[in-house]
Structures are given as C-alpha cells and as structure tokens.
C-alpha cells in the first residue's frame, strides 16, 4: 500500500510539472475495487503464479485449465484429468492450500 501511495505521489509531481510548463495532459486512472476478498483475487490468477512443476502445469493446460478459478470449477476430480498423476494432483492441492483455497466437495462444483 505504501508503494502505491509513493508511486501516486511521484506521478502527481510529474503532472504538476507538466501543467506548470503549459503542456496538454491526458490522464487515465485505473482504480482497484477495495474490499474484495483475497480469495476472489486469487481466483483470477493464471496457474503460472502457483509455481507448479512443469508436469503439473502442463497437465492443467492440456485440460483447458489456465486460471485458479478453472481448477476450482473443474467438474471432475483432478486425478481423472488427462495426463494428471497422483503426484501432480497432490502438488496442486498443496499449492491451493498454501493460498488458503481448497477444492469444493464432490457434487458442489
């Protein structure tokens, strides 16, 4: 948060300088929605951010799973995915648990 504030502060200094020089200025501001749960943000992570082994990551991609939300929305068990072994499935589950996420119980996907 402090880093964002400092970057904003530096950006505003640049804006001030440009305006003082009488130049035209166009500004685009992107604001994140505050109050979102950590889990909601994690769901939009690409699977690469989980730092999985190459084998586990490739198995997910082969099955069309590219984001964390896709793992949680998979209609079948991880072990039933094509090219998914027990070791890779356990690794994925462990990485999800490290982030505070878990697969929903069977029948709730």
N, C-alpha and C. Protein backbone atom coordinates (compact mmCIF):
# COMPACT_ATOMS: atom_id res chain seq x y z
N UNK A 1 0.82 -1.19 0.00
CA UNK A 1 0.00 0.00 0.00
C UNK A 1 0.87 1.25 0.00
N UNK A 2 1.95 1.22 0.78
CA UNK A 2 2.85 2.36 0.85
C UNK A 2 3.50 2.58 -0.51
N UNK A 3 3.86 1.49 -1.18
CA UNK A 3 4.48 1.58 -2.50
C UNK A 3 3.53 2.27 -3.48
N UNK A 4 2.26 1.90 -3.45
CA UNK A 4 1.27 2.51 -4.33
C UNK A 4 1.14 4.00 -4.03
N UNK A 5 1.09 4.34 -2.75
CA UNK A 5 0.98 5.74 -2.37
C UNK A 5 2.19 6.53 -2.86
N UNK A 6 3.38 5.99 -2.68
CA UNK A 6 4.60 6.68 -3.14
C UNK A 6 4.62 6.86 -4.65
N UNK A 7 4.18 5.83 -5.38
CA UNK A 7 4.12 5.93 -6.84
C UNK A 7 3.11 6.99 -7.27
N UNK A 8 1.98 7.02 -6.60
CA UNK A 8 0.97 8.03 -6.88
C UNK A 8 1.51 9.43 -6.61
N UNK A 9 2.20 9.58 -5.51
CA UNK A 9 2.79 10.86 -5.12
C UNK A 9 3.78 11.33 -6.19
N UNK A 10 4.64 10.42 -6.65
CA UNK A 10 5.61 10.76 -7.69
C UNK A 10 4.91 11.12 -9.00
N UNK A 11 3.87 10.39 -9.32
CA UNK A 11 3.11 10.67 -10.53
C UNK A 11 2.47 12.06 -10.49
N UNK A 12 1.95 12.42 -9.33
CA UNK A 12 1.33 13.74 -9.19
C UNK A 12 2.37 14.86 -9.31
N UNK A 13 3.57 14.60 -8.86
CA UNK A 13 4.64 15.59 -9.03
C UNK A 13 4.92 15.83 -10.51
N UNK A 14 4.93 14.74 -11.28
CA UNK A 14 5.15 14.85 -12.73
C UNK A 14 4.02 15.62 -13.39
N UNK A 15 2.78 15.35 -12.97
CA UNK A 15 1.62 16.06 -13.51
C UNK A 15 1.75 17.55 -13.24
N UNK A 16 2.10 17.88 -12.04
CA UNK A 16 2.26 19.29 -11.66
C UNK A 16 3.30 19.97 -12.55
N UNK A 17 4.41 19.30 -12.77
CA UNK A 17 5.48 19.85 -13.60
C UNK A 17 4.99 20.09 -15.03
N UNK A 18 4.28 19.12 -15.58
CA UNK A 18 3.75 19.24 -16.95
C UNK A 18 2.77 20.40 -17.05
N UNK A 19 1.89 20.52 -16.07
CA UNK A 19 0.90 21.60 -16.09
C UNK A 19 1.57 22.97 -15.95
N UNK A 20 2.61 23.05 -15.14
CA UNK A 20 3.32 24.31 -14.98
C UNK A 20 4.00 24.73 -16.27
N UNK A 21 4.38 23.78 -17.09
CA UNK A 21 5.01 24.08 -18.37
C UNK A 21 3.97 24.45 -19.43
N UNK A 22 2.69 24.34 -19.08
CA UNK A 22 1.62 24.72 -20.00
C UNK A 22 1.32 23.67 -21.06
N UNK A 23 1.77 22.45 -20.86
CA UNK A 23 1.52 21.38 -21.82
C UNK A 23 0.15 20.75 -21.57
N UNK A 24 -0.39 20.15 -22.64
CA UNK A 24 -1.67 19.45 -22.52
C UNK A 24 -1.43 18.11 -21.84
N UNK A 25 -2.35 17.71 -21.01
CA UNK A 25 -2.19 16.49 -20.24
C UNK A 25 -3.45 15.64 -20.32
N UNK A 26 -3.27 14.37 -20.65
CA UNK A 26 -4.38 13.41 -20.64
C UNK A 26 -4.04 12.38 -19.58
N UNK A 27 -4.98 12.10 -18.71
CA UNK A 27 -4.75 11.18 -17.60
C UNK A 27 -5.75 10.04 -17.65
N UNK A 28 -5.24 8.84 -17.47
CA UNK A 28 -6.08 7.66 -17.33
C UNK A 28 -5.77 7.07 -15.96
N UNK A 29 -6.81 6.86 -15.18
CA UNK A 29 -6.63 6.31 -13.84
C UNK A 29 -7.40 5.00 -13.75
N UNK A 30 -6.72 3.98 -13.27
CA UNK A 30 -7.35 2.69 -13.02
C UNK A 30 -7.36 2.47 -11.52
N UNK A 31 -8.54 2.22 -10.99
CA UNK A 31 -8.67 2.04 -9.55
C UNK A 31 -9.18 0.64 -9.27
N UNK A 32 -8.50 -0.05 -8.36
CA UNK A 32 -8.95 -1.38 -7.95
C UNK A 32 -10.12 -1.26 -6.99
N UNK A 33 -10.94 -2.28 -7.00
CA UNK A 33 -12.08 -2.29 -6.10
C UNK A 33 -11.61 -2.75 -4.73
N UNK A 34 -11.77 -1.89 -3.74
CA UNK A 34 -11.35 -2.27 -2.40
C UNK A 34 -12.41 -3.13 -1.74
N UNK A 35 -11.98 -3.87 -0.77
CA UNK A 35 -12.91 -4.71 -0.03
C UNK A 35 -13.11 -6.09 -0.63
N UNK A 36 -12.44 -6.37 -1.73
CA UNK A 36 -12.55 -7.70 -2.32
C UNK A 36 -11.79 -8.69 -1.47
N UNK A 37 -12.33 -9.84 -1.35
CA UNK A 37 -11.68 -10.87 -0.56
C UNK A 37 -10.42 -11.36 -1.27
N UNK A 38 -9.46 -11.76 -0.48
CA UNK A 38 -8.21 -12.30 -1.02
C UNK A 38 -8.50 -13.47 -1.96
N UNK A 39 -9.47 -14.30 -1.57
CA UNK A 39 -9.80 -15.47 -2.39
C UNK A 39 -10.29 -15.05 -3.77
N UNK A 40 -11.07 -13.97 -3.83
CA UNK A 40 -11.58 -13.50 -5.12
C UNK A 40 -10.44 -13.10 -6.05
N UNK A 41 -9.43 -12.45 -5.49
CA UNK A 41 -8.28 -12.03 -6.29
C UNK A 41 -7.46 -13.24 -6.74
N UNK A 42 -7.30 -14.21 -5.86
CA UNK A 42 -6.53 -15.41 -6.20
C UNK A 42 -7.20 -16.21 -7.32
N UNK A 43 -8.51 -16.18 -7.37
CA UNK A 43 -9.22 -16.94 -8.39
C UNK A 43 -8.88 -16.49 -9.80
N UNK A 44 -8.50 -15.24 -9.95
CA UNK A 44 -8.17 -14.70 -11.26
C UNK A 44 -6.70 -14.85 -11.62
N UNK A 45 -5.93 -15.46 -10.75
CA UNK A 45 -4.51 -15.70 -11.03
C UNK A 45 -4.36 -16.72 -12.16
N UNK A 46 -3.42 -16.49 -13.07
CA UNK A 46 -3.09 -17.57 -14.01
C UNK A 46 -2.38 -18.68 -13.23
N UNK A 47 -2.51 -19.90 -13.69
CA UNK A 47 -1.93 -21.02 -12.95
C UNK A 47 -0.41 -20.91 -12.81
N UNK A 48 0.22 -20.16 -13.68
CA UNK A 48 1.67 -19.98 -13.60
C UNK A 48 2.09 -19.36 -12.26
N UNK A 49 1.20 -18.55 -11.68
CA UNK A 49 1.52 -17.89 -10.41
C UNK A 49 1.54 -18.86 -9.23
N UNK A 50 1.06 -20.07 -9.43
CA UNK A 50 1.10 -21.06 -8.35
C UNK A 50 2.47 -21.71 -8.23
N UNK A 51 3.34 -21.45 -9.19
CA UNK A 51 4.69 -22.04 -9.20
C UNK A 51 4.66 -23.56 -9.12
N UNK A 52 3.89 -24.15 -9.99
CA UNK A 52 3.77 -25.60 -10.06
C UNK A 52 4.94 -26.18 -10.86
N UNK A 53 5.14 -27.46 -10.72
CA UNK A 53 6.13 -28.13 -11.56
C UNK A 53 5.65 -28.05 -13.01
N UNK A 54 6.57 -28.21 -13.92
CA UNK A 54 6.23 -28.17 -15.35
C UNK A 54 5.18 -29.24 -15.67
N UNK A 55 5.36 -30.41 -15.11
CA UNK A 55 4.43 -31.52 -15.39
C UNK A 55 3.01 -31.18 -14.94
N UNK A 56 2.86 -30.65 -13.71
CA UNK A 56 1.53 -30.32 -13.20
C UNK A 56 0.90 -29.19 -14.00
N UNK A 57 1.70 -28.17 -14.31
CA UNK A 57 1.18 -27.03 -15.07
C UNK A 57 0.74 -27.46 -16.47
N UNK A 58 1.55 -28.29 -17.13
CA UNK A 58 1.20 -28.75 -18.47
C UNK A 58 -0.04 -29.63 -18.46
N UNK A 59 -0.19 -30.45 -17.44
CA UNK A 59 -1.39 -31.30 -17.34
C UNK A 59 -2.64 -30.44 -17.22
N UNK A 60 -2.57 -29.38 -16.44
CA UNK A 60 -3.72 -28.48 -16.31
C UNK A 60 -4.02 -27.81 -17.65
N UNK A 61 -2.99 -27.29 -18.29
CA UNK A 61 -3.18 -26.59 -19.57
C UNK A 61 -3.76 -27.52 -20.64
N UNK A 62 -3.31 -28.76 -20.67
CA UNK A 62 -3.84 -29.72 -21.64
C UNK A 62 -5.33 -29.95 -21.46
N UNK A 63 -5.80 -29.71 -20.26
CA UNK A 63 -7.23 -29.89 -19.96
C UNK A 63 -7.99 -28.58 -19.97
N UNK A 64 -7.39 -27.52 -20.53
CA UNK A 64 -8.07 -26.24 -20.68
C UNK A 64 -8.16 -25.45 -19.39
N UNK A 65 -7.29 -25.74 -18.44
CA UNK A 65 -7.30 -25.05 -17.16
C UNK A 65 -6.14 -24.05 -17.16
N UNK A 66 -6.50 -22.76 -17.15
CA UNK A 66 -5.48 -21.71 -17.25
C UNK A 66 -5.47 -20.74 -16.08
N UNK A 67 -6.54 -20.76 -15.29
CA UNK A 67 -6.65 -19.86 -14.13
C UNK A 67 -7.01 -20.67 -12.90
N UNK A 68 -6.70 -20.13 -11.73
CA UNK A 68 -7.01 -20.82 -10.48
C UNK A 68 -8.50 -21.13 -10.41
N UNK A 69 -9.34 -20.20 -10.86
CA UNK A 69 -10.80 -20.44 -10.82
C UNK A 69 -11.18 -21.66 -11.65
N UNK A 70 -10.42 -21.93 -12.73
CA UNK A 70 -10.71 -23.10 -13.56
C UNK A 70 -10.44 -24.39 -12.79
N UNK A 71 -9.42 -24.39 -11.95
CA UNK A 71 -9.13 -25.58 -11.15
C UNK A 71 -10.30 -25.85 -10.22
N UNK A 72 -10.79 -24.79 -9.57
CA UNK A 72 -11.87 -24.95 -8.60
C UNK A 72 -13.20 -25.28 -9.26
N UNK A 73 -13.34 -24.93 -10.54
CA UNK A 73 -14.59 -25.20 -11.25
C UNK A 73 -14.53 -26.46 -12.10
N UNK A 74 -13.45 -27.22 -12.00
CA UNK A 74 -13.32 -28.45 -12.77
C UNK A 74 -14.41 -29.42 -12.34
N UNK A 75 -15.22 -29.87 -13.30
CA UNK A 75 -16.36 -30.73 -12.93
C UNK A 75 -15.97 -32.15 -12.51
N UNK A 76 -14.72 -32.49 -12.63
CA UNK A 76 -14.28 -33.82 -12.24
C UNK A 76 -13.08 -33.73 -11.31
N UNK A 77 -12.75 -34.82 -10.70
CA UNK A 77 -11.60 -34.85 -9.81
C UNK A 77 -10.32 -34.63 -10.59
N UNK A 78 -9.34 -34.02 -9.95
CA UNK A 78 -8.07 -33.76 -10.61
C UNK A 78 -7.45 -35.03 -11.18
N UNK A 79 -7.52 -36.12 -10.43
CA UNK A 79 -6.91 -37.37 -10.88
C UNK A 79 -7.55 -37.93 -12.14
N UNK A 80 -8.77 -37.51 -12.43
CA UNK A 80 -9.45 -38.01 -13.62
C UNK A 80 -9.13 -37.19 -14.86
N UNK A 81 -8.38 -36.10 -14.68
CA UNK A 81 -7.99 -35.29 -15.83
C UNK A 81 -6.93 -36.03 -16.64
N UNK A 82 -6.95 -35.85 -17.94
CA UNK A 82 -5.98 -36.48 -18.82
C UNK A 82 -4.57 -36.00 -18.45
N UNK A 83 -3.64 -36.91 -18.39
CA UNK A 83 -2.22 -36.65 -18.08
C UNK A 83 -1.96 -36.20 -16.65
N UNK A 84 -2.93 -36.36 -15.76
CA UNK A 84 -2.75 -35.94 -14.37
C UNK A 84 -2.44 -37.14 -13.50
N UNK A 85 -1.29 -37.11 -12.85
CA UNK A 85 -0.91 -38.18 -11.94
C UNK A 85 -1.16 -37.78 -10.50
N UNK A 86 -1.02 -38.74 -9.62
CA UNK A 86 -1.26 -38.51 -8.19
C UNK A 86 -0.31 -37.45 -7.63
N UNK A 87 0.96 -37.52 -8.02
CA UNK A 87 1.94 -36.57 -7.50
C UNK A 87 1.60 -35.14 -7.92
N UNK A 88 1.22 -34.96 -9.19
CA UNK A 88 0.85 -33.62 -9.68
C UNK A 88 -0.42 -33.12 -9.01
N UNK A 89 -1.40 -34.01 -8.86
CA UNK A 89 -2.66 -33.62 -8.21
C UNK A 89 -2.41 -33.19 -6.76
N UNK A 90 -1.58 -33.95 -6.06
CA UNK A 90 -1.25 -33.59 -4.67
C UNK A 90 -0.51 -32.25 -4.60
N UNK A 91 0.38 -32.03 -5.56
CA UNK A 91 1.12 -30.76 -5.61
C UNK A 91 0.15 -29.58 -5.80
N UNK A 92 -0.79 -29.73 -6.70
CA UNK A 92 -1.77 -28.68 -6.97
C UNK A 92 -2.61 -28.41 -5.72
N UNK A 93 -3.09 -29.47 -5.08
CA UNK A 93 -3.88 -29.31 -3.86
C UNK A 93 -3.07 -28.60 -2.77
N UNK A 94 -1.79 -28.97 -2.64
CA UNK A 94 -0.91 -28.35 -1.64
C UNK A 94 -0.72 -26.85 -1.93
N UNK A 95 -0.51 -26.52 -3.19
CA UNK A 95 -0.33 -25.10 -3.56
C UNK A 95 -1.59 -24.30 -3.30
N UNK A 96 -2.75 -24.89 -3.57
CA UNK A 96 -4.02 -24.21 -3.29
C UNK A 96 -4.18 -23.99 -1.79
N UNK A 97 -3.85 -25.01 -1.00
CA UNK A 97 -3.96 -24.89 0.45
C UNK A 97 -3.03 -23.82 0.99
N UNK A 98 -1.84 -23.69 0.42
CA UNK A 98 -0.90 -22.64 0.84
C UNK A 98 -1.50 -21.26 0.64
N UNK A 99 -2.38 -21.14 -0.36
CA UNK A 99 -3.03 -19.86 -0.65
C UNK A 99 -4.37 -19.72 0.08
N UNK A 100 -4.72 -20.71 0.88
CA UNK A 100 -5.98 -20.66 1.63
C UNK A 100 -7.18 -21.11 0.83
N UNK A 101 -6.95 -21.84 -0.26
CA UNK A 101 -8.04 -22.33 -1.11
C UNK A 101 -8.10 -23.84 -1.05
N UNK A 102 -9.26 -24.38 -1.36
CA UNK A 102 -9.41 -25.83 -1.44
C UNK A 102 -10.48 -26.15 -2.46
N UNK A 103 -10.44 -27.37 -2.96
CA UNK A 103 -11.46 -27.80 -3.91
C UNK A 103 -12.78 -27.99 -3.19
N UNK A 104 -13.89 -27.63 -3.83
CA UNK A 104 -15.18 -27.85 -3.19
C UNK A 104 -15.46 -29.36 -3.11
N UNK A 105 -16.29 -29.77 -2.15
CA UNK A 105 -16.63 -31.19 -2.05
C UNK A 105 -17.27 -31.70 -3.33
N UNK A 106 -17.17 -33.00 -3.56
CA UNK A 106 -17.78 -33.60 -4.75
C UNK A 106 -19.27 -33.23 -4.80
N UNK A 107 -19.75 -32.97 -6.01
CA UNK A 107 -21.15 -32.65 -6.17
C UNK A 107 -21.47 -31.17 -5.99
N UNK A 108 -20.52 -30.36 -5.57
CA UNK A 108 -20.76 -28.92 -5.37
C UNK A 108 -20.00 -28.09 -6.39
N UNK A 109 -19.50 -28.69 -7.44
CA UNK A 109 -18.73 -27.95 -8.44
C UNK A 109 -19.60 -27.51 -9.57
